[in-house]
Amino acid sequence: MLSLKNVSVRYGGLLALEDISLTVNQGEFVTVIGPNGAGKTTLLKAISGVVALASGQIIFDNQDLASIPAADRPHLGLAHVPEFRQVFGSLTVRENLELGITPLGSRGNRAANIDYALALFPVLAERRNQLAGTLSGGQQQMLAIARGLVSSPKLLVLDEPSMGLAPRVVDTIFERIGQIRKASAITIVLVEQRAVEALELCDRAYVLSTGKVVASGPGATLLGNEQVNQAYLG
């Protein structure tokens, strides 16, 4: 489904990612963990085309993404839910979802997809006509995830969905991600600071540090790895 081969990204003269290689198989749930500044968000931006590659190759669904602009990648079935939520505050919940469904093309039923997203997050159904900017932070995060889902993506990329949220709200967000995984064959890549919860949910994981992959393996294996525990799980 997704393959990164020797990917490097530079910001000015600094290497944000260095020679990254990883794979995500169809239907897999893969987590990427690591300390702040490890390059996790840059990795996702490279996949979605927001930042350019200095070198390497990204293959998604058998297509080389090098010649595909960021604006066209959602039409391939790639949905990126960025950090800090980034909902359209002056639009209603329903309007945000309708914007998210634009790349849908022939995949699925638009009305049914919106209904599914609202059923997954009942609080959004209650507030469907409310301006997104007036929602709480947790509700905005739910909306951002729902907006990514309504396009029936082949790959859902989630960047720090727990950021800045109260623990109880974070628990709800992780429960919903687990439900999404169980209810569909969607492939998921999750970048997350709450490493324990992320590793418990995923099939496999990669650990990044200073722009490099320093460990990888099944989530359960990394949870039991003493070195990973001490360095990244506290």
C-alpha atoms as a PDB file:
ATOM      1  CA  MET A   1       0.000   0.000   0.000  1.00  0.00           C
ATOM      2  CA  LEU A   2       2.703   2.505   1.068  1.00  0.00           C
ATOM      3  CA  SER A   3       6.464   2.272   0.712  1.00  0.00           C
ATOM      4  CA  LEU A   4       9.117   4.830   1.578  1.00  0.00           C
ATOM      5  CA  LYS A   5      12.549   4.104   0.171  1.00  0.00           C
ATOM      6  CA  ASN A   6      15.579   6.021   1.467  1.00  0.00           C
ATOM      7  CA  VAL A   7      13.569   9.203   1.993  1.00  0.00           C
ATOM      8  CA  SER A   8      15.373  12.335   3.164  1.00  0.00           C
ATOM      9  CA  VAL A   9      13.897  15.804   3.769  1.00  0.00           C
ATOM     10  CA  ARG A  10      15.841  19.010   4.365  1.00  0.00           C
ATOM     11  CA  TYR A  11      14.774  22.263   5.961  1.00  0.00           C
ATOM     12  CA  GLY A  12      17.418  24.689   4.777  1.00  0.00           C
ATOM     13  CA  GLY A  13      20.689  22.923   5.439  1.00  0.00           C
ATOM     14  CA  LEU A  14      19.295  20.674   8.160  1.00  0.00           C
ATOM     15  CA  LEU A  15      18.205  17.086   7.668  1.00  0.00           C
ATOM     16  CA  ALA A  16      14.742  16.563   9.145  1.00  0.00           C
ATOM     17  CA  LEU A  17      14.528  13.012   7.790  1.00  0.00           C
ATOM     18  CA  GLU A  18      17.543  10.943   6.829  1.00  0.00           C
ATOM     19  CA  ASP A  19      17.362   7.830   4.668  1.00  0.00           C
ATOM     20  CA  ILE A  20      13.975   6.672   5.978  1.00  0.00           C
ATOM     21  CA  SER A  21      12.641   3.364   4.670  1.00  0.00           C
ATOM     22  CA  LEU A  22       9.384   1.860   5.854  1.00  0.00           C
ATOM     23  CA  THR A  23       6.396  -0.058   4.530  1.00  0.00           C
ATOM     24  CA  VAL A  24       2.700  -0.130   5.351  1.00  0.00           C
ATOM     25  CA  ASN A  25       0.748  -3.088   4.009  1.00  0.00           C
ATOM     26  CA  GLN A  26      -2.866  -2.886   2.924  1.00  0.00           C
ATOM     27  CA  GLY A  27      -5.199  -3.090   5.917  1.00  0.00           C
ATOM     28  CA  GLU A  28      -2.391  -2.576   8.439  1.00  0.00           C
ATOM     29  CA  PHE A  29      -2.373  -0.190  11.366  1.00  0.00           C
ATOM     30  CA  VAL A  30       1.127   1.262  11.713  1.00  0.00           C
ATOM     31  CA  THR A  31       2.208   3.647  14.462  1.00  0.00           C
ATOM     32  CA  VAL A  32       5.190   5.998  14.408  1.00  0.00           C
ATOM     33  CA  ILE A  33       6.492   7.129  17.793  1.00  0.00           C
ATOM     34  CA  GLY A  34       9.482   9.102  19.000  1.00  0.00           C
ATOM     35  CA  PRO A  35      10.434  12.198  20.976  1.00  0.00           C
ATOM     36  CA  ASN A  36       9.612  15.766  19.969  1.00  0.00           C
ATOM     37  CA  GLY A  37      11.703  16.844  17.007  1.00  0.00           C
ATOM     38  CA  ALA A  38      12.235  13.269  15.805  1.00  0.00           C
ATOM     39  CA  GLY A  39      10.714  14.023  12.384  1.00  0.00           C
ATOM     40  CA  LYS A  40       7.343  12.326  12.827  1.00  0.00           C
ATOM     41  CA  THR A  41       5.209  15.172  11.485  1.00  0.00           C
ATOM     42  CA  THR A  42       7.694  15.809   8.673  1.00  0.00           C
ATOM     43  CA  LEU A  43       7.334  12.158   7.698  1.00  0.00           C
ATOM     44  CA  LEU A  44       3.571  12.528   7.301  1.00  0.00           C
ATOM     45  CA  LYS A  45       3.957  15.810   5.423  1.00  0.00           C
ATOM     46  CA  ALA A  46       6.309  14.084   3.002  1.00  0.00           C
ATOM     47  CA  ILE A  47       3.712  11.376   2.378  1.00  0.00           C
ATOM     48  CA  SER A  48       0.966  13.917   1.722  1.00  0.00           C
ATOM     49  CA  GLY A  49       3.250  16.135  -0.375  1.00  0.00           C
ATOM     50  CA  VAL A  50       3.333  19.177   1.899  1.00  0.00           C
ATOM     51  CA  VAL A  51       7.139  19.066   2.017  1.00  0.00           C
ATOM     52  CA  ALA A  52       9.447  18.121  -0.841  1.00  0.00           C
ATOM     53  CA  LEU A  53      11.874  15.221  -0.747  1.00  0.00           C
ATOM     54  CA  ALA A  54      15.598  15.871  -0.874  1.00  0.00           C
ATOM     55  CA  SER A  55      16.041  12.280  -2.009  1.00  0.00           C
ATOM     56  CA  GLY A  56      14.285   8.932  -2.020  1.00  0.00           C
ATOM     57  CA  GLN A  57      10.961   7.642  -3.276  1.00  0.00           C
ATOM     58  CA  ILE A  58       7.421   7.281  -1.957  1.00  0.00           C
ATOM     59  CA  ILE A  59       5.141   4.696  -3.565  1.00  0.00           C
ATOM     60  CA  PHE A  60       1.437   4.718  -2.714  1.00  0.00           C
ATOM     61  CA  ASP A  61      -0.944   2.138  -4.156  1.00  0.00           C
ATOM     62  CA  ASN A  62       1.620   1.274  -6.845  1.00  0.00           C
ATOM     63  CA  GLN A  63       2.065   4.907  -7.888  1.00  0.00           C
ATOM     64  CA  ASP A  64       5.215   6.974  -7.507  1.00  0.00           C
ATOM     65  CA  LEU A  65       4.105  10.165  -5.752  1.00  0.00           C
ATOM     66  CA  ALA A  66       7.027  12.238  -7.030  1.00  0.00           C
ATOM     67  CA  SER A  67       5.033  13.758  -9.875  1.00  0.00           C
ATOM     68  CA  ILE A  68       1.712  14.037  -8.011  1.00  0.00           C
ATOM     69  CA  PRO A  69       1.040  17.420  -6.317  1.00  0.00           C
ATOM     70  CA  ALA A  70      -0.193  17.500  -2.733  1.00  0.00           C
ATOM     71  CA  ALA A  71      -3.629  18.756  -3.861  1.00  0.00           C
ATOM     72  CA  ASP A  72      -4.093  15.678  -6.059  1.00  0.00           C
ATOM     73  CA  ARG A  73      -3.051  13.037  -3.536  1.00  0.00           C
ATOM     74  CA  PRO A  74      -6.432  12.920  -1.728  1.00  0.00           C
ATOM     75  CA  HIS A  75      -7.989  11.870  -5.037  1.00  0.00           C
ATOM     76  CA  LEU A  76      -5.768   8.766  -4.916  1.00  0.00           C
ATOM     77  CA  GLY A  77      -7.337   7.772  -1.601  1.00  0.00           C
ATOM     78  CA  LEU A  78      -4.909   9.393   0.843  1.00  0.00           C
ATOM     79  CA  ALA A  79      -6.484  11.333   3.736  1.00  0.00           C
ATOM     80  CA  HIS A  80      -4.190  13.326   6.041  1.00  0.00           C
ATOM     81  CA  VAL A  81      -5.601  14.532   9.381  1.00  0.00           C
ATOM     82  CA  PRO A  82      -2.982  17.102  10.419  1.00  0.00           C
ATOM     83  CA  GLU A  83      -1.855  18.110  13.893  1.00  0.00           C
ATOM     84  CA  PHE A  84      -3.708  21.045  15.515  1.00  0.00           C
ATOM     85  CA  ARG A  85      -6.940  19.837  13.837  1.00  0.00           C
ATOM     86  CA  GLN A  86      -7.189  22.675  11.280  1.00  0.00           C
ATOM     87  CA  VAL A  87     -10.960  22.638  10.827  1.00  0.00           C
ATOM     88  CA  PHE A  88     -12.696  25.488   9.004  1.00  0.00           C
ATOM     89  CA  GLY A  89     -13.980  27.498  11.939  1.00  0.00           C
ATOM     90  CA  SER A  90     -16.351  29.730   9.973  1.00  0.00           C
ATOM     91  CA  LEU A  91     -18.138  26.718   8.452  1.00  0.00           C
ATOM     92  CA  THR A  92     -20.582  24.382  10.163  1.00  0.00           C
ATOM     93  CA  VAL A  93     -19.783  20.817  11.129  1.00  0.00           C
ATOM     94  CA  ARG A  94     -21.838  19.580   8.175  1.00  0.00           C
ATOM     95  CA  GLU A  95     -20.055  21.933   5.762  1.00  0.00           C
ATOM     96  CA  ASN A  96     -16.654  20.752   6.997  1.00  0.00           C
ATOM     97  CA  LEU A  97     -17.684  17.167   6.290  1.00  0.00           C
ATOM     98  CA  GLU A  98     -18.963  18.088   2.844  1.00  0.00           C
ATOM     99  CA  LEU A  99     -15.594  19.663   2.031  1.00  0.00           C
ATOM    100  CA  GLY A 100     -13.876  16.497   3.184  1.00  0.00           C
ATOM    101  CA  ILE A 101     -15.950  14.412   0.825  1.00  0.00           C
ATOM    102  CA  THR A 102     -14.805  16.344  -2.279  1.00  0.00           C
ATOM    103  CA  PRO A 103     -12.059  13.825  -3.216  1.00  0.00           C
ATOM    104  CA  LEU A 104     -14.454  10.911  -2.968  1.00  0.00           C
ATOM    105  CA  GLY A 105     -14.850  10.341  -6.694  1.00  0.00           C
ATOM    106  CA  SER A 106     -16.496   6.959  -7.217  1.00  0.00           C
ATOM    107  CA  ARG A 107     -15.590   5.486  -3.811  1.00  0.00           C
ATOM    108  CA  GLY A 108     -18.699   4.836  -1.766  1.00  0.00           C
ATOM    109  CA  ASN A 109     -21.856   6.798  -1.139  1.00  0.00           C
ATOM    110  CA  ARG A 110     -21.489  10.426  -0.069  1.00  0.00           C
ATOM    111  CA  ALA A 111     -24.596  10.633   2.109  1.00  0.00           C
ATOM    112  CA  ALA A 112     -23.886   7.260   3.709  1.00  0.00           C
ATOM    113  CA  ASN A 113     -20.296   8.274   4.472  1.00  0.00           C
ATOM    114  CA  ILE A 114     -21.405  11.441   6.242  1.00  0.00           C
ATOM    115  CA  ASP A 115     -24.020   9.480   8.184  1.00  0.00           C
ATOM    116  CA  TYR A 116     -21.331   6.964   9.211  1.00  0.00           C
ATOM    117  CA  ALA A 117     -19.011   9.731  10.427  1.00  0.00           C
ATOM    118  CA  LEU A 118     -21.792  11.376  12.432  1.00  0.00           C
ATOM    119  CA  ALA A 119     -22.802   8.029  13.934  1.00  0.00           C
ATOM    120  CA  LEU A 120     -19.192   7.418  14.964  1.00  0.00           C
ATOM    121  CA  PHE A 121     -19.109  10.804  16.723  1.00  0.00           C
ATOM    122  CA  PRO A 122     -22.642  11.425  18.061  1.00  0.00           C
ATOM    123  CA  VAL A 123     -21.658  14.805  19.517  1.00  0.00           C
ATOM    124  CA  LEU A 124     -21.007  15.999  15.956  1.00  0.00           C
ATOM    125  CA  ALA A 125     -24.449  14.817  14.879  1.00  0.00           C
ATOM    126  CA  GLU A 126     -25.944  16.917  17.667  1.00  0.00           C
ATOM    127  CA  ARG A 127     -23.904  19.922  16.499  1.00  0.00           C
ATOM    128  CA  ARG A 128     -24.044  19.414  12.742  1.00  0.00           C
ATOM    129  CA  ASN A 129     -25.307  22.980  12.180  1.00  0.00           C
ATOM    130  CA  GLN A 130     -22.919  24.576  14.674  1.00  0.00           C
ATOM    131  CA  LEU A 131     -19.895  26.568  13.511  1.00  0.00           C
ATOM    132  CA  ALA A 132     -16.757  24.421  13.854  1.00  0.00           C
ATOM    133  CA  GLY A 133     -14.885  27.307  15.477  1.00  0.00           C
ATOM    134  CA  THR A 134     -17.245  27.198  18.461  1.00  0.00           C
ATOM    135  CA  LEU A 135     -16.609  23.516  19.181  1.00  0.00           C
ATOM    136  CA  SER A 136     -14.347  22.372  22.003  1.00  0.00           C
ATOM    137  CA  GLY A 137     -10.855  21.182  21.156  1.00  0.00           C
ATOM    138  CA  GLY A 138     -11.899  17.552  21.494  1.00  0.00           C
ATOM    139  CA  GLN A 139     -14.934  18.050  19.287  1.00  0.00           C
ATOM    140  CA  GLN A 140     -12.774  19.755  16.665  1.00  0.00           C
ATOM    141  CA  GLN A 141     -10.421  16.767  16.711  1.00  0.00           C
ATOM    142  CA  MET A 142     -13.370  14.439  16.208  1.00  0.00           C
ATOM    143  CA  LEU A 143     -14.482  16.609  13.288  1.00  0.00           C
ATOM    144  CA  ALA A 144     -11.012  16.521  11.743  1.00  0.00           C
ATOM    145  CA  ILE A 145     -10.983  12.717  11.895  1.00  0.00           C
ATOM    146  CA  ALA A 146     -14.552  12.508  10.580  1.00  0.00           C
ATOM    147  CA  ARG A 147     -13.652  14.848   7.721  1.00  0.00           C
ATOM    148  CA  GLY A 148     -10.818  12.513   6.780  1.00  0.00           C
ATOM    149  CA  LEU A 149     -13.091   9.476   6.897  1.00  0.00           C
ATOM    150  CA  VAL A 150     -15.925  10.730   4.699  1.00  0.00           C
ATOM    151  CA  SER A 151     -13.836  10.457   1.529  1.00  0.00           C
ATOM    152  CA  SER A 152     -13.566   6.661   2.008  1.00  0.00           C
ATOM    153  CA  PRO A 153      -9.755   6.838   1.982  1.00  0.00           C
ATOM    154  CA  LYS A 154      -7.557   3.862   1.275  1.00  0.00           C
ATOM    155  CA  LEU A 155      -5.010   5.288   3.729  1.00  0.00           C
ATOM    156  CA  LEU A 156      -5.882   7.419   6.769  1.00  0.00           C
ATOM    157  CA  VAL A 157      -2.915   9.338   8.192  1.00  0.00           C
ATOM    158  CA  LEU A 158      -3.386  10.761  11.698  1.00  0.00           C
ATOM    159  CA  ASP A 159      -0.943  13.255  13.185  1.00  0.00           C
ATOM    160  CA  GLU A 160      -1.015  13.564  16.989  1.00  0.00           C
ATOM    161  CA  PRO A 161      -4.795  13.277  17.480  1.00  0.00           C
ATOM    162  CA  SER A 162      -4.382  13.487  21.272  1.00  0.00           C
ATOM    163  CA  MET A 163      -2.468  16.787  21.222  1.00  0.00           C
ATOM    164  CA  GLY A 164      -3.732  19.324  23.747  1.00  0.00           C
ATOM    165  CA  LEU A 165      -6.752  17.289  24.830  1.00  0.00           C
ATOM    166  CA  ALA A 166      -7.941  16.235  28.275  1.00  0.00           C
ATOM    167  CA  PRO A 167      -7.262  12.580  29.175  1.00  0.00           C
ATOM    168  CA  ARG A 168     -10.948  11.617  29.102  1.00  0.00           C
ATOM    169  CA  VAL A 169     -11.344  13.094  25.619  1.00  0.00           C
ATOM    170  CA  VAL A 170      -8.165  11.340  24.461  1.00  0.00           C
ATOM    171  CA  ASP A 171      -9.607   8.019  25.637  1.00  0.00           C
ATOM    172  CA  THR A 172     -12.676   8.659  23.480  1.00  0.00           C
ATOM    173  CA  ILE A 173     -10.533   9.543  20.464  1.00  0.00           C
ATOM    174  CA  PHE A 174      -8.517   6.323  20.792  1.00  0.00           C
ATOM    175  CA  GLU A 175     -11.708   4.294  21.230  1.00  0.00           C
ATOM    176  CA  ARG A 176     -13.046   5.739  17.987  1.00  0.00           C
ATOM    177  CA  ILE A 177      -9.806   5.017  16.137  1.00  0.00           C
ATOM    178  CA  GLY A 178     -10.061   1.441  17.348  1.00  0.00           C
ATOM    179  CA  GLN A 179     -13.657   1.272  16.113  1.00  0.00           C
ATOM    180  CA  ILE A 180     -12.645   2.619  12.712  1.00  0.00           C
ATOM    181  CA  ARG A 181     -10.010  -0.084  12.473  1.00  0.00           C
ATOM    182  CA  LYS A 182     -12.403  -2.883  13.406  1.00  0.00           C
ATOM    183  CA  ALA A 183     -15.279  -1.684  11.205  1.00  0.00           C
ATOM    184  CA  SER A 184     -13.391  -1.302   7.939  1.00  0.00           C
ATOM    185  CA  ALA A 185     -10.422  -2.486   5.930  1.00  0.00           C
ATOM    186  CA  ILE A 186      -8.904   0.981   6.002  1.00  0.00           C
ATOM    187  CA  THR A 187      -5.129   1.267   6.317  1.00  0.00           C
ATOM    188  CA  ILE A 188      -3.988   3.603   9.125  1.00  0.00           C
ATOM    189  CA  VAL A 189      -0.731   5.392   9.890  1.00  0.00           C
ATOM    190  CA  LEU A 190      -0.741   7.074  13.305  1.00  0.00           C
ATOM    191  CA  VAL A 191       1.866   9.475  14.675  1.00  0.00           C
ATOM    192  CA  GLU A 192       1.353   9.874  18.394  1.00  0.00           C
ATOM    193  CA  GLN A 193       3.095  11.124  21.534  1.00  0.00           C
ATOM    194  CA  ARG A 194       0.994   8.858  23.763  1.00  0.00           C
ATOM    195  CA  ALA A 195       3.120   5.940  22.725  1.00  0.00           C
ATOM    196  CA  VAL A 196       1.704   3.230  24.992  1.00  0.00           C
ATOM    197  CA  GLU A 197      -1.870   3.645  23.727  1.00  0.00           C
ATOM    198  CA  ALA A 198      -0.659   3.886  20.138  1.00  0.00           C
ATOM    199  CA  LEU A 199       1.435   0.725  20.410  1.00  0.00           C
ATOM    200  CA  GLU A 200      -1.466  -1.152  21.997  1.00  0.00           C
ATOM    201  CA  LEU A 201      -3.693  -0.310  19.012  1.00  0.00           C
ATOM    202  CA  CYS A 202      -1.321  -0.967  16.132  1.00  0.00           C
ATOM    203  CA  ASP A 203      -0.066  -4.005  14.238  1.00  0.00           C
ATOM    204  CA  ARG A 204       3.461  -2.678  13.744  1.00  0.00           C
ATOM    205  CA  ALA A 205       5.405   0.402  14.744  1.00  0.00           C
ATOM    206  CA  TYR A 206       8.456   2.425  13.858  1.00  0.00           C
ATOM    207  CA  VAL A 207      10.491   4.460  16.340  1.00  0.00           C
ATOM    208  CA  LEU A 208      12.047   7.680  15.018  1.00  0.00           C
ATOM    209  CA  SER A 209      14.863   9.637  16.610  1.00  0.00           C
ATOM    210  CA  THR A 210      16.633  12.645  15.063  1.00  0.00           C
ATOM    211  CA  GLY A 211      15.134  11.891  11.673  1.00  0.00           C
ATOM    212  CA  LYS A 212      16.113   8.206  11.543  1.00  0.00           C
ATOM    213  CA  VAL A 213      14.341   4.899  12.152  1.00  0.00           C
ATOM    214  CA  VAL A 214      16.002   3.447  15.249  1.00  0.00           C
ATOM    215  CA  ALA A 215      13.654   0.532  15.937  1.00  0.00           C
ATOM    216  CA  SER A 216      10.695  -1.249  14.380  1.00  0.00           C
ATOM    217  CA  GLY A 217       8.526  -4.275  14.981  1.00  0.00           C
ATOM    218  CA  PRO A 218       5.106  -5.410  16.209  1.00  0.00           C
ATOM    219  CA  GLY A 219       3.508  -2.979  18.653  1.00  0.00           C
ATOM    220  CA  ALA A 220       3.402  -5.570  21.431  1.00  0.00           C
ATOM    221  CA  THR A 221       7.090  -6.355  20.936  1.00  0.00           C
ATOM    222  CA  LEU A 222       8.122  -2.706  21.196  1.00  0.00           C
ATOM    223  CA  LEU A 223       5.958  -2.300  24.303  1.00  0.00           C
ATOM    224  CA  GLY A 224       8.038  -5.033  25.906  1.00  0.00           C
ATOM    225  CA  ASN A 225      11.387  -3.705  24.656  1.00  0.00           C
ATOM    226  CA  GLU A 226      13.312  -2.360  27.649  1.00  0.00           C
ATOM    227  CA  GLN A 227      15.404   0.067  25.591  1.00  0.00           C
ATOM    228  CA  VAL A 228      12.361   1.522  23.843  1.00  0.00           C
ATOM    229  CA  ASN A 229      10.525   1.686  27.152  1.00  0.00           C
ATOM    230  CA  GLN A 230      13.268   3.655  28.860  1.00  0.00           C
ATOM    231  CA  ALA A 231      13.886   6.016  25.976  1.00  0.00           C
ATOM    232  CA  TYR A 232      10.395   6.687  24.630  1.00  0.00           C
ATOM    233  CA  LEU A 233       7.685   5.335  26.911  1.00  0.00           C
ATOM    234  CA  GLY A 234       8.848   6.762  30.220  1.00  0.00           C
END
